[in-house]
C-alpha atoms as a PDB file:
ATOM      1  CA  UNK A   1       0.010  -0.016   0.228  1.00  0.00           C
ATOM      2  CA  UNK A   2       0.997   3.528  -0.982  1.00  0.00           C
ATOM      3  CA  UNK A   3       0.739   6.092   1.863  1.00  0.00           C
ATOM      4  CA  UNK A   4       0.364   9.373   1.107  1.00  0.00           C
ATOM      5  CA  UNK A   5       2.324  12.510   2.662  1.00  0.00           C
ATOM      6  CA  UNK A   6       0.236  12.498   5.846  1.00  0.00           C
ATOM      7  CA  UNK A   7       0.687   8.844   6.508  1.00  0.00           C
ATOM      8  CA  UNK A   8       4.606   9.311   5.858  1.00  0.00           C
ATOM      9  CA  UNK A   9       4.692  11.233   8.329  1.00  0.00           C
ATOM     10  CA  UNK A  10       2.877   9.258  10.692  1.00  0.00           C
ATOM     11  CA  UNK A  11       4.917   6.205   9.343  1.00  0.00           C
ATOM     12  CA  UNK A  12       8.265   8.125  10.072  1.00  0.00           C
ATOM     13  CA  UNK A  13       7.065   9.238  13.766  1.00  0.00           C
ATOM     14  CA  UNK A  14       5.589   5.697  14.903  1.00  0.00           C
ATOM     15  CA  UNK A  15       9.317   4.441  13.305  1.00  0.00           C
ATOM     16  CA  UNK A  16      11.345   6.466  15.402  1.00  0.00           C
ATOM     17  CA  UNK A  17       9.448   6.339  18.387  1.00  0.00           C
ATOM     18  CA  UNK A  18       9.378   3.099  18.327  1.00  0.00           C
ATOM     19  CA  UNK A  19      13.616   2.912  17.538  1.00  0.00           C
ATOM     20  CA  UNK A  20      13.919   5.017  20.852  1.00  0.00           C
ATOM     21  CA  UNK A  21      12.048   3.539  23.313  1.00  0.00           C
ATOM     22  CA  UNK A  22      14.209   0.360  21.721  1.00  0.00           C
ATOM     23  CA  UNK A  23      17.153   2.280  23.407  1.00  0.00           C
ATOM     24  CA  UNK A  24      15.719   1.739  27.234  1.00  0.00           C
ATOM     25  CA  UNK A  25      16.856  -1.475  28.983  1.00  0.00           C
ATOM     26  CA  UNK A  26      14.438  -4.601  28.465  1.00  0.00           C
ATOM     27  CA  UNK A  27      14.075  -4.646  32.174  1.00  0.00           C
ATOM     28  CA  UNK A  28      13.170  -0.975  32.140  1.00  0.00           C
ATOM     29  CA  UNK A  29      10.636  -1.802  29.037  1.00  0.00           C
ATOM     30  CA  UNK A  30       8.956  -4.834  30.611  1.00  0.00           C
ATOM     31  CA  UNK A  31       8.951  -3.479  33.539  1.00  0.00           C
ATOM     32  CA  UNK A  32       7.657   0.248  33.439  1.00  0.00           C
ATOM     33  CA  UNK A  33       5.795   0.252  29.997  1.00  0.00           C
ATOM     34  CA  UNK A  34       4.848  -3.603  30.252  1.00  0.00           C
ATOM     35  CA  UNK A  35       3.493  -3.149  33.402  1.00  0.00           C
ATOM     36  CA  UNK A  36       1.530   0.340  32.317  1.00  0.00           C
ATOM     37  CA  UNK A  37       0.025  -1.966  28.931  1.00  0.00           C
ATOM     38  CA  UNK A  38      -1.576  -4.494  31.753  1.00  0.00           C
ATOM     39  CA  UNK A  39      -2.707  -2.065  33.918  1.00  0.00           C
ATOM     40  CA  UNK A  40      -4.422   0.030  30.597  1.00  0.00           C
ATOM     41  CA  UNK A  41      -5.664  -3.419  29.117  1.00  0.00           C
ATOM     42  CA  UNK A  42      -6.786  -5.199  32.383  1.00  0.00           C
ATOM     43  CA  UNK A  43      -7.810  -2.710  34.924  1.00  0.00           C
ATOM     44  CA  UNK A  44      -8.924   0.818  33.304  1.00  0.00           C
ATOM     45  CA  UNK A  45     -10.139  -0.519  29.622  1.00  0.00           C
ATOM     46  CA  UNK A  46     -10.583  -4.023  30.171  1.00  0.00           C
ATOM     47  CA  UNK A  47      -9.884  -5.201  26.982  1.00  0.00           C
ATOM     48  CA  UNK A  48     -12.189  -7.649  25.564  1.00  0.00           C
ATOM     49  CA  UNK A  49     -12.129  -9.054  28.700  1.00  0.00           C
ATOM     50  CA  UNK A  50     -15.872 -10.359  28.108  1.00  0.00           C
ATOM     51  CA  UNK A  51     -14.713 -11.978  24.715  1.00  0.00           C
ATOM     52  CA  UNK A  52     -11.694 -13.780  26.819  1.00  0.00           C
ATOM     53  CA  UNK A  53     -13.617 -14.898  29.722  1.00  0.00           C
ATOM     54  CA  UNK A  54     -16.236 -15.972  27.302  1.00  0.00           C
ATOM     55  CA  UNK A  55     -13.545 -18.089  25.409  1.00  0.00           C
ATOM     56  CA  UNK A  56     -12.154 -19.282  28.484  1.00  0.00           C
ATOM     57  CA  UNK A  57     -15.662 -20.634  30.115  1.00  0.00           C
ATOM     58  CA  UNK A  58     -16.110 -22.522  27.051  1.00  0.00           C
ATOM     59  CA  UNK A  59     -13.168 -23.954  26.330  1.00  0.00           C
ATOM     60  CA  UNK A  60     -11.954 -25.316  29.525  1.00  0.00           C
ATOM     61  CA  UNK A  61     -15.281 -26.208  31.105  1.00  0.00           C
ATOM     62  CA  UNK A  62     -13.866 -28.823  33.676  1.00  0.00           C
ATOM     63  CA  UNK A  63     -11.567 -26.024  34.895  1.00  0.00           C
ATOM     64  CA  UNK A  64     -12.713 -23.859  38.348  1.00  0.00           C
ATOM     65  CA  UNK A  65     -14.011 -20.292  37.800  1.00  0.00           C
ATOM     66  CA  UNK A  66     -10.870 -19.443  39.719  1.00  0.00           C
ATOM     67  CA  UNK A  67      -8.279 -21.054  38.063  1.00  0.00           C
ATOM     68  CA  UNK A  68      -9.864 -19.187  34.519  1.00  0.00           C
ATOM     69  CA  UNK A  69      -9.429 -16.219  36.040  1.00  0.00           C
ATOM     70  CA  UNK A  70      -5.448 -17.034  36.864  1.00  0.00           C
ATOM     71  CA  UNK A  71      -5.246 -18.276  33.130  1.00  0.00           C
ATOM     72  CA  UNK A  72      -6.740 -14.769  32.263  1.00  0.00           C
ATOM     73  CA  UNK A  73      -4.509 -12.515  34.556  1.00  0.00           C
ATOM     74  CA  UNK A  74      -1.753 -14.275  33.218  1.00  0.00           C
ATOM     75  CA  UNK A  75      -3.074 -13.810  29.737  1.00  0.00           C
ATOM     76  CA  UNK A  76      -2.976  -9.878  29.737  1.00  0.00           C
ATOM     77  CA  UNK A  77       0.169 -10.045  31.656  1.00  0.00           C
ATOM     78  CA  UNK A  78       1.130 -11.797  28.502  1.00  0.00           C
ATOM     79  CA  UNK A  79      -0.479  -9.712  26.330  1.00  0.00           C
ATOM     80  CA  UNK A  80       1.525  -6.968  27.478  1.00  0.00           C
ATOM     81  CA  UNK A  81       5.131  -8.234  26.568  1.00  0.00           C
ATOM     82  CA  UNK A  82       3.355  -9.489  23.302  1.00  0.00           C
ATOM     83  CA  UNK A  83       2.772  -5.352  22.705  1.00  0.00           C
ATOM     84  CA  UNK A  84       6.270  -4.544  23.771  1.00  0.00           C
ATOM     85  CA  UNK A  85       8.131  -7.385  21.981  1.00  0.00           C
ATOM     86  CA  UNK A  86       5.886  -5.434  18.992  1.00  0.00           C
ATOM     87  CA  UNK A  87       7.523  -1.737  19.347  1.00  0.00           C
ATOM     88  CA  UNK A  88      11.239  -4.107  19.715  1.00  0.00           C
ATOM     89  CA  UNK A  89      10.984  -5.233  16.186  1.00  0.00           C
ATOM     90  CA  UNK A  90      12.199  -2.243  15.269  1.00  0.00           C
ATOM     91  CA  UNK A  91      15.290  -1.947  17.242  1.00  0.00           C
ATOM     92  CA  UNK A  92      16.071  -5.341  18.072  1.00  0.00           C
ATOM     93  CA  UNK A  93      19.286  -6.727  17.101  1.00  0.00           C
ATOM     94  CA  UNK A  94      19.878  -9.771  15.386  1.00  0.00           C
ATOM     95  CA  UNK A  95      21.782 -11.102  18.189  1.00  0.00           C
ATOM     96  CA  UNK A  96      19.451 -10.744  21.319  1.00  0.00           C
ATOM     97  CA  UNK A  97      16.348 -11.510  18.079  1.00  0.00           C
ATOM     98  CA  UNK A  98      18.330 -15.404  17.983  1.00  0.00           C
ATOM     99  CA  UNK A  99      18.861 -15.238  21.846  1.00  0.00           C
ATOM    100  CA  UNK A 100      15.130 -14.539  22.295  1.00  0.00           C
ATOM    101  CA  UNK A 101      13.290 -17.058  20.242  1.00  0.00           C
ATOM    102  CA  UNK A 102      15.861 -20.359  19.606  1.00  0.00           C
ATOM    103  CA  UNK A 103      14.536 -23.658  17.836  1.00  0.00           C
ATOM    104  CA  UNK A 104      15.935 -26.740  19.183  1.00  0.00           C
ATOM    105  CA  UNK A 105      15.962 -28.749  15.976  1.00  0.00           C
ATOM    106  CA  UNK A 106      16.945 -26.021  13.688  1.00  0.00           C
ATOM    107  CA  UNK A 107      20.178 -28.411  11.891  1.00  0.00           C
ATOM    108  CA  UNK A 108      17.496 -31.468  11.627  1.00  0.00           C
ATOM    109  CA  UNK A 109      15.077 -29.778  10.277  1.00  0.00           C
ATOM    110  CA  UNK A 110      17.550 -27.460   7.581  1.00  0.00           C
ATOM    111  CA  UNK A 111      19.428 -30.732   6.461  1.00  0.00           C
ATOM    112  CA  UNK A 112      16.177 -32.799   5.687  1.00  0.00           C
ATOM    113  CA  UNK A 113      14.338 -30.120   4.338  1.00  0.00           C
ATOM    114  CA  UNK A 114      17.714 -28.766   1.747  1.00  0.00           C
ATOM    115  CA  UNK A 115      16.760 -27.987  -1.707  1.00  0.00           C
ATOM    116  CA  UNK A 116      12.928 -28.638  -0.943  1.00  0.00           C
ATOM    117  CA  UNK A 117      10.595 -25.832  -0.126  1.00  0.00           C
ATOM    118  CA  UNK A 118       8.565 -26.625   2.935  1.00  0.00           C
ATOM    119  CA  UNK A 119       5.226 -24.355   5.491  1.00  0.00           C
ATOM    120  CA  UNK A 120       5.740 -23.589   8.755  1.00  0.00           C
ATOM    121  CA  UNK A 121       2.615 -24.193  10.402  1.00  0.00           C
ATOM    122  CA  UNK A 122       2.504 -21.419  13.402  1.00  0.00           C
ATOM    123  CA  UNK A 123      -0.419 -19.413  15.612  1.00  0.00           C
ATOM    124  CA  UNK A 124      -0.936 -16.737  17.723  1.00  0.00           C
ATOM    125  CA  UNK A 125       1.188 -18.215  20.506  1.00  0.00           C
ATOM    126  CA  UNK A 126       4.084 -16.924  22.678  1.00  0.00           C
ATOM    127  CA  UNK A 127       5.779 -14.002  20.960  1.00  0.00           C
ATOM    128  CA  UNK A 128       5.734 -14.887  16.925  1.00  0.00           C
ATOM    129  CA  UNK A 129       6.727 -11.605  15.918  1.00  0.00           C
ATOM    130  CA  UNK A 130      10.003 -12.892  17.284  1.00  0.00           C
ATOM    131  CA  UNK A 131       9.690 -16.005  14.411  1.00  0.00           C
ATOM    132  CA  UNK A 132      11.088 -13.407  11.503  1.00  0.00           C
ATOM    133  CA  UNK A 133      14.528 -14.664  13.108  1.00  0.00           C
ATOM    134  CA  UNK A 134      14.316 -18.024  11.499  1.00  0.00           C
ATOM    135  CA  UNK A 135      15.687 -16.311   8.374  1.00  0.00           C
ATOM    136  CA  UNK A 136      18.804 -16.180  10.293  1.00  0.00           C
ATOM    137  CA  UNK A 137      19.423 -20.092  10.090  1.00  0.00           C
ATOM    138  CA  UNK A 138      18.175 -21.213   6.633  1.00  0.00           C
ATOM    139  CA  UNK A 139      19.264 -20.070   2.823  1.00  0.00           C
ATOM    140  CA  UNK A 140      15.439 -20.771   1.925  1.00  0.00           C
ATOM    141  CA  UNK A 141      13.648 -17.689   0.895  1.00  0.00           C
ATOM    142  CA  UNK A 142      11.448 -17.024   4.057  1.00  0.00           C
ATOM    143  CA  UNK A 143       7.508 -15.604   3.335  1.00  0.00           C
ATOM    144  CA  UNK A 144       5.424 -14.764   6.388  1.00  0.00           C
ATOM    145  CA  UNK A 145       1.725 -15.139   5.090  1.00  0.00           C
ATOM    146  CA  UNK A 146      -0.580 -11.652   6.552  1.00  0.00           C
ATOM    147  CA  UNK A 147      -3.576 -10.007   6.573  1.00  0.00           C
ATOM    148  CA  UNK A 148      -2.841  -6.556   5.031  1.00  0.00           C
ATOM    149  CA  UNK A 149      -4.028  -4.124   8.053  1.00  0.00           C
ATOM    150  CA  UNK A 150      -6.811  -1.400   6.462  1.00  0.00           C
ATOM    151  CA  UNK A 151      -4.607   1.323   8.545  1.00  0.00           C
ATOM    152  CA  UNK A 152      -2.371   1.727   6.005  1.00  0.00           C
ATOM    153  CA  UNK A 153       0.734   3.491   8.800  1.00  0.00           C
ATOM    154  CA  UNK A 154      -0.043   0.511  10.934  1.00  0.00           C
ATOM    155  CA  UNK A 155       0.342  -1.911   7.611  1.00  0.00           C
ATOM    156  CA  UNK A 156       3.630  -0.311   6.780  1.00  0.00           C
ATOM    157  CA  UNK A 157       5.158  -0.940  10.082  1.00  0.00           C
ATOM    158  CA  UNK A 158       5.080  -4.197  10.064  1.00  0.00           C
ATOM    159  CA  UNK A 159       6.097  -4.938   7.361  1.00  0.00           C
ATOM    160  CA  UNK A 160       9.207  -2.500   7.025  1.00  0.00           C
ATOM    161  CA  UNK A 161       9.817  -4.334  10.882  1.00  0.00           C
ATOM    162  CA  UNK A 162       9.042  -8.020   9.548  1.00  0.00           C
ATOM    163  CA  UNK A 163      11.089  -7.590   7.054  1.00  0.00           C
ATOM    164  CA  UNK A 164      14.347  -6.276   9.153  1.00  0.00           C
ATOM    165  CA  UNK A 165      16.683  -9.645   8.646  1.00  0.00           C
ATOM    166  CA  UNK A 166      15.623 -10.705   5.566  1.00  0.00           C
ATOM    167  CA  UNK A 167      11.883 -12.593   5.872  1.00  0.00           C
ATOM    168  CA  UNK A 168       9.641 -11.558   3.098  1.00  0.00           C
ATOM    169  CA  UNK A 169       6.361 -10.468   4.376  1.00  0.00           C
ATOM    170  CA  UNK A 170       3.819 -12.033   1.921  1.00  0.00           C
ATOM    171  CA  UNK A 171       0.112 -10.838   1.350  1.00  0.00           C
ATOM    172  CA  UNK A 172      -2.521 -13.706   1.947  1.00  0.00           C
ATOM    173  CA  UNK A 173      -3.678 -13.053  -1.519  1.00  0.00           C
ATOM    174  CA  UNK A 174      -0.152 -12.967  -3.555  1.00  0.00           C
ATOM    175  CA  UNK A 175       0.863 -16.717  -0.941  1.00  0.00           C
ATOM    176  CA  UNK A 176       0.543 -18.979  -4.046  1.00  0.00           C
ATOM    177  CA  UNK A 177       1.547 -16.665  -6.577  1.00  0.00           C
ATOM    178  CA  UNK A 178       5.272 -16.625  -4.820  1.00  0.00           C
ATOM    179  CA  UNK A 179       4.977 -20.607  -3.824  1.00  0.00           C
ATOM    180  CA  UNK A 180       4.710 -21.151  -7.929  1.00  0.00           C
ATOM    181  CA  UNK A 181       7.818 -18.541  -8.491  1.00  0.00           C
ATOM    182  CA  UNK A 182       9.903 -20.844  -5.748  1.00  0.00           C
ATOM    183  CA  UNK A 183       9.546 -24.050  -7.619  1.00  0.00           C
ATOM    184  CA  UNK A 184      11.006 -22.501 -10.724  1.00  0.00           C
ATOM    185  CA  UNK A 185      13.731 -23.861 -11.837  1.00  0.00           C
ATOM    186  CA  UNK A 186      17.329 -21.723 -10.076  1.00  0.00           C
ATOM    187  CA  UNK A 187      14.760 -19.646  -7.741  1.00  0.00           C
ATOM    188  CA  UNK A 188      15.552 -20.310  -4.295  1.00  0.00           C
ATOM    189  CA  UNK A 189      12.905 -22.894  -2.495  1.00  0.00           C
ATOM    190  CA  UNK A 190      11.013 -21.563   0.032  1.00  0.00           C
ATOM    191  CA  UNK A 191       9.696 -21.280   3.676  1.00  0.00           C
ATOM    192  CA  UNK A 192       5.873 -20.470   3.740  1.00  0.00           C
ATOM    193  CA  UNK A 193       5.625 -19.227   7.277  1.00  0.00           C
ATOM    194  CA  UNK A 194       1.659 -19.327   7.768  1.00  0.00           C
ATOM    195  CA  UNK A 195      -0.363 -18.189  10.699  1.00  0.00           C
ATOM    196  CA  UNK A 196      -3.204 -20.667  10.317  1.00  0.00           C
ATOM    197  CA  UNK A 197      -5.366 -20.788  13.346  1.00  0.00           C
ATOM    198  CA  UNK A 198      -7.618 -17.293  12.512  1.00  0.00           C
ATOM    199  CA  UNK A 199     -10.961 -17.541  11.674  1.00  0.00           C
ATOM    200  CA  UNK A 200     -11.739 -17.523   7.917  1.00  0.00           C
ATOM    201  CA  UNK A 201     -14.914 -15.165   6.658  1.00  0.00           C
ATOM    202  CA  UNK A 202     -17.934 -16.626   6.571  1.00  0.00           C
ATOM    203  CA  UNK A 203     -18.222 -17.384   3.002  1.00  0.00           C
ATOM    204  CA  UNK A 204     -15.087 -19.137   3.167  1.00  0.00           C
ATOM    205  CA  UNK A 205     -16.183 -21.807   5.716  1.00  0.00           C
ATOM    206  CA  UNK A 206     -16.517 -25.526   4.069  1.00  0.00           C
ATOM    207  CA  UNK A 207     -15.986 -27.538   7.560  1.00  0.00           C
ATOM    208  CA  UNK A 208     -16.180 -27.883  11.010  1.00  0.00           C
ATOM    209  CA  UNK A 209     -14.056 -29.145  13.226  1.00  0.00           C
ATOM    210  CA  UNK A 210     -13.879 -30.061  17.389  1.00  0.00           C
ATOM    211  CA  UNK A 211     -11.344 -27.559  18.623  1.00  0.00           C
ATOM    212  CA  UNK A 212     -11.022 -26.720  22.599  1.00  0.00           C
ATOM    213  CA  UNK A 213     -14.969 -28.434  22.944  1.00  0.00           C
ATOM    214  CA  UNK A 214     -16.497 -26.280  20.517  1.00  0.00           C
ATOM    215  CA  UNK A 215     -17.238 -26.489  16.740  1.00  0.00           C
ATOM    216  CA  UNK A 216     -14.321 -24.089  15.065  1.00  0.00           C
ATOM    217  CA  UNK A 217     -14.037 -23.164  10.976  1.00  0.00           C
ATOM    218  CA  UNK A 218     -10.434 -23.063  10.054  1.00  0.00           C
ATOM    219  CA  UNK A 219      -8.970 -21.635   7.263  1.00  0.00           C
ATOM    220  CA  UNK A 220      -8.237 -24.560   4.269  1.00  0.00           C
ATOM    221  CA  UNK A 221      -4.638 -22.983   3.137  1.00  0.00           C
ATOM    222  CA  UNK A 222      -2.160 -24.556   4.425  1.00  0.00           C
ATOM    223  CA  UNK A 223      -3.918 -27.739   3.395  1.00  0.00           C
ATOM    224  CA  UNK A 224      -4.374 -26.509  -0.480  1.00  0.00           C
ATOM    225  CA  UNK A 225      -1.048 -25.423  -0.821  1.00  0.00           C
ATOM    226  CA  UNK A 226       0.592 -28.313   1.184  1.00  0.00           C
ATOM    227  CA  UNK A 227      -0.841 -30.817  -0.679  1.00  0.00           C
ATOM    228  CA  UNK A 228      -1.072 -29.210  -4.050  1.00  0.00           C
ATOM    229  CA  UNK A 229       2.959 -28.836  -4.084  1.00  0.00           C
ATOM    230  CA  UNK A 230       4.166 -31.673  -1.765  1.00  0.00           C
ATOM    231  CA  UNK A 231       5.624 -29.482   0.386  1.00  0.00           C
ATOM    232  CA  UNK A 232       6.344 -31.130   3.792  1.00  0.00           C
ATOM    233  CA  UNK A 233       4.329 -29.152   6.885  1.00  0.00           C
ATOM    234  CA  UNK A 234       6.161 -28.520  10.650  1.00  0.00           C
ATOM    235  CA  UNK A 235       3.961 -27.237  13.416  1.00  0.00           C
ATOM    236  CA  UNK A 236       5.907 -24.940  15.219  1.00  0.00           C
ATOM    237  CA  UNK A 237       5.457 -26.156  18.577  1.00  0.00           C
ATOM    238  CA  UNK A 238       6.572 -23.486  21.337  1.00  0.00           C
ATOM    239  CA  UNK A 239       7.419 -23.311  24.808  1.00  0.00           C
ATOM    240  CA  UNK A 240       8.702 -20.388  27.012  1.00  0.00           C
ATOM    241  CA  UNK A 241      11.415 -21.402  28.796  1.00  0.00           C
ATOM    242  CA  UNK A 242      12.137 -17.602  30.612  1.00  0.00           C
ATOM    243  CA  UNK A 243      11.380 -14.704  31.216  1.00  0.00           C
ATOM    244  CA  UNK A 244      10.815 -12.872  27.644  1.00  0.00           C
ATOM    245  CA  UNK A 245      12.591 -16.230  26.003  1.00  0.00           C
ATOM    246  CA  UNK A 246      10.823 -18.922  23.647  1.00  0.00           C
ATOM    247  CA  UNK A 247      12.071 -22.774  22.548  1.00  0.00           C
ATOM    248  CA  UNK A 248      10.424 -23.758  19.183  1.00  0.00           C
ATOM    249  CA  UNK A 249      10.410 -27.201  17.854  1.00  0.00           C
ATOM    250  CA  UNK A 250       9.134 -27.694  14.843  1.00  0.00           C
ATOM    251  CA  UNK A 251       7.551 -30.991  14.245  1.00  0.00           C
ATOM    252  CA  UNK A 252       6.540 -32.396  11.151  1.00  0.00           C
ATOM    253  CA  UNK A 253       3.087 -33.315  10.514  1.00  0.00           C
ATOM    254  CA  UNK A 254       2.961 -33.695   6.622  1.00  0.00           C
ATOM    255  CA  UNK A 255       6.069 -35.096   4.363  1.00  0.00           C
ATOM    256  CA  UNK A 256       4.720 -33.987   1.254  1.00  0.00           C
ATOM    257  CA  UNK A 257       4.227 -37.672   0.009  1.00  0.00           C
ATOM    258  CA  UNK A 258       1.763 -39.029   2.017  1.00  0.00           C
ATOM    259  CA  UNK A 259      -1.820 -39.868   0.831  1.00  0.00           C
ATOM    260  CA  UNK A 260      -3.993 -37.413   3.161  1.00  0.00           C
ATOM    261  CA  UNK A 261      -7.937 -37.764   3.184  1.00  0.00           C
ATOM    262  CA  UNK A 262      -9.265 -34.354   3.139  1.00  0.00           C
ATOM    263  CA  UNK A 263      -8.965 -32.357   6.352  1.00  0.00           C
ATOM    264  CA  UNK A 264      -7.013 -34.649   7.575  1.00  0.00           C
ATOM    265  CA  UNK A 265      -3.757 -31.915   8.099  1.00  0.00           C
ATOM    266  CA  UNK A 266      -6.034 -29.502   9.051  1.00  0.00           C
ATOM    267  CA  UNK A 267      -6.825 -31.753  11.844  1.00  0.00           C
ATOM    268  CA  UNK A 268      -3.451 -32.971  12.800  1.00  0.00           C
ATOM    269  CA  UNK A 269      -2.461 -29.054  13.182  1.00  0.00           C
ATOM    270  CA  UNK A 270      -5.420 -28.501  15.219  1.00  0.00           C
ATOM    271  CA  UNK A 271      -4.326 -31.660  17.532  1.00  0.00           C
ATOM    272  CA  UNK A 272      -0.646 -29.921  17.913  1.00  0.00           C
ATOM    273  CA  UNK A 273      -1.756 -26.785  18.547  1.00  0.00           C
ATOM    274  CA  UNK A 274      -4.804 -28.199  21.312  1.00  0.00           C
ATOM    275  CA  UNK A 275      -2.072 -29.832  22.875  1.00  0.00           C
ATOM    276  CA  UNK A 276       0.439 -26.831  22.762  1.00  0.00           C
ATOM    277  CA  UNK A 277      -2.303 -24.352  24.320  1.00  0.00           C
ATOM    278  CA  UNK A 278      -3.185 -27.109  26.930  1.00  0.00           C
ATOM    279  CA  UNK A 279      -0.037 -27.303  28.237  1.00  0.00           C
ATOM    280  CA  UNK A 280       0.446 -23.287  28.607  1.00  0.00           C
ATOM    281  CA  UNK A 281      -3.070 -21.430  28.605  1.00  0.00           C
ATOM    282  CA  UNK A 282      -1.852 -18.568  29.283  1.00  0.00           C
ATOM    283  CA  UNK A 283       0.454 -17.501  25.696  1.00  0.00           C
ATOM    284  CA  UNK A 284      -2.609 -18.495  23.128  1.00  0.00           C
ATOM    285  CA  UNK A 285      -4.324 -14.750  21.914  1.00  0.00           C
ATOM    286  CA  UNK A 286      -7.935 -15.198  24.369  1.00  0.00           C
ATOM    287  CA  UNK A 287      -8.912 -11.363  22.544  1.00  0.00           C
ATOM    288  CA  UNK A 288      -9.550 -12.910  18.970  1.00  0.00           C
ATOM    289  CA  UNK A 289     -13.211 -13.218  18.604  1.00  0.00           C
ATOM    290  CA  UNK A 290     -12.043 -16.970  17.568  1.00  0.00           C
ATOM    291  CA  UNK A 291     -15.946 -18.188  17.491  1.00  0.00           C
ATOM    292  CA  UNK A 292     -18.226 -15.012  16.720  1.00  0.00           C
ATOM    293  CA  UNK A 293     -19.396 -18.122  13.597  1.00  0.00           C
ATOM    294  CA  UNK A 294     -21.705 -21.058  14.639  1.00  0.00           C
ATOM    295  CA  UNK A 295     -22.771 -23.362  12.652  1.00  0.00           C
ATOM    296  CA  UNK A 296     -26.527 -21.968  13.117  1.00  0.00           C
ATOM    297  CA  UNK A 297     -25.044 -18.243  11.914  1.00  0.00           C
ATOM    298  CA  UNK A 298     -23.713 -19.386   8.778  1.00  0.00           C
ATOM    299  CA  UNK A 299     -26.513 -21.550   8.129  1.00  0.00           C
ATOM    300  CA  UNK A 300     -28.375 -18.199   8.260  1.00  0.00           C
ATOM    301  CA  UNK A 301     -25.685 -16.566   6.109  1.00  0.00           C
ATOM    302  CA  UNK A 302     -26.016 -18.888   3.768  1.00  0.00           C
ATOM    303  CA  UNK A 303     -29.840 -18.957   3.614  1.00  0.00           C
ATOM    304  CA  UNK A 304     -29.826 -14.946   3.452  1.00  0.00           C
ATOM    305  CA  UNK A 305     -27.195 -15.209   0.179  1.00  0.00           C
ATOM    306  CA  UNK A 306     -29.629 -17.476  -1.504  1.00  0.00           C
ATOM    307  CA  UNK A 307     -32.730 -15.797  -1.034  1.00  0.00           C
ATOM    308  CA  UNK A 308     -30.688 -12.482  -2.211  1.00  0.00           C
ATOM    309  CA  UNK A 309     -29.112 -13.940  -5.218  1.00  0.00           C
ATOM    310  CA  UNK A 310     -32.742 -15.747  -5.690  1.00  0.00           C
ATOM    311  CA  UNK A 311     -34.636 -11.836  -5.987  1.00  0.00           C
ATOM    312  CA  UNK A 312     -31.752 -10.666  -7.899  1.00  0.00           C
ATOM    313  CA  UNK A 313     -32.577 -13.365 -10.878  1.00  0.00           C
ATOM    314  CA  UNK A 314     -36.002 -12.549 -10.237  1.00  0.00           C
ATOM    315  CA  UNK A 315     -36.398  -9.228 -10.183  1.00  0.00           C
ATOM    316  CA  UNK A 316     -33.571  -9.602 -14.068  1.00  0.00           C
ATOM    317  CA  UNK A 317     -36.095 -11.811 -15.169  1.00  0.00           C
ATOM    318  CA  UNK A 318     -39.537  -9.628 -14.756  1.00  0.00           C
ATOM    319  CA  UNK A 319     -37.144  -6.638 -16.223  1.00  0.00           C
ATOM    320  CA  UNK A 320     -36.807  -8.443 -19.413  1.00  0.00           C
ATOM    321  CA  UNK A 321     -39.936  -9.548 -19.682  1.00  0.00           C
ATOM    322  CA  UNK A 322     -41.004  -5.646 -19.495  1.00  0.00           C
ATOM    323  CA  UNK A 323     -38.586  -4.793 -21.994  1.00  0.00           C
ATOM    324  CA  UNK A 324     -40.264  -8.041 -24.340  1.00  0.00           C
ATOM    325  CA  UNK A 325     -44.291  -6.065 -23.446  1.00  0.00           C
END
């Protein structure tokens, strides 16, 4: 997206403000700035608190109210850290980002995937923005798939921040084109970093999966691209190993050759995701409206679309009949 003159001024102010803030010691940033963000989000504006509580109640009915409130408090603490991590994207050094996000089996995966394109199946878990550092460990072209933001200033900020070390941000609608390019002779193979736990638009919902005790739709792009191009898929299993630091293990869930029934790969992704969430629930993004669509609401939407199409067809037919008269 191109920026107009005023948006360019806003972008530069945002970028250099984040760079300036990043000069502060990390302890000050996470204790002072992180604490302030947590106070604002959790206590003052109560950012999506009801959404968080509803999601937790439906996902963990076996837990007591006190246990869910504890997860809630820890989640907002984590969310404030994610905000600080995002600010630091503009200034963090290659050395520091590689210390904070470590891949336990990167040598093994790189050896196995030498010369092959593959997919990193990710989620909004831990501090996912730090995974832009994977490009520091590979000769592949790393494509970070994202949804462009409506706000052009913030969209430009994320694009520039994510590409600082060589990762190539790719808009979701351009993913297929870039994957095809990566399979051409002479081109570097690609790693497609795909966050696959988002809610698809209602018109794209084709199948329902059982996830955290609820019927849940998932995007089909992960499965379609991997099976079409025979690209292995590794699930990125993340654990928090120290304050602000994470360990990621890349776990193979599809080798690119196995014959799979429809939706099987998505099911494997969901199983891994739920296992990871249950292990450390506070690290997932509970403030997302992940279950805003239900089977009933999707059925109503489809019926309204069907009726609208029928009415449009009827109106067009009446116009043709009138012209004939």
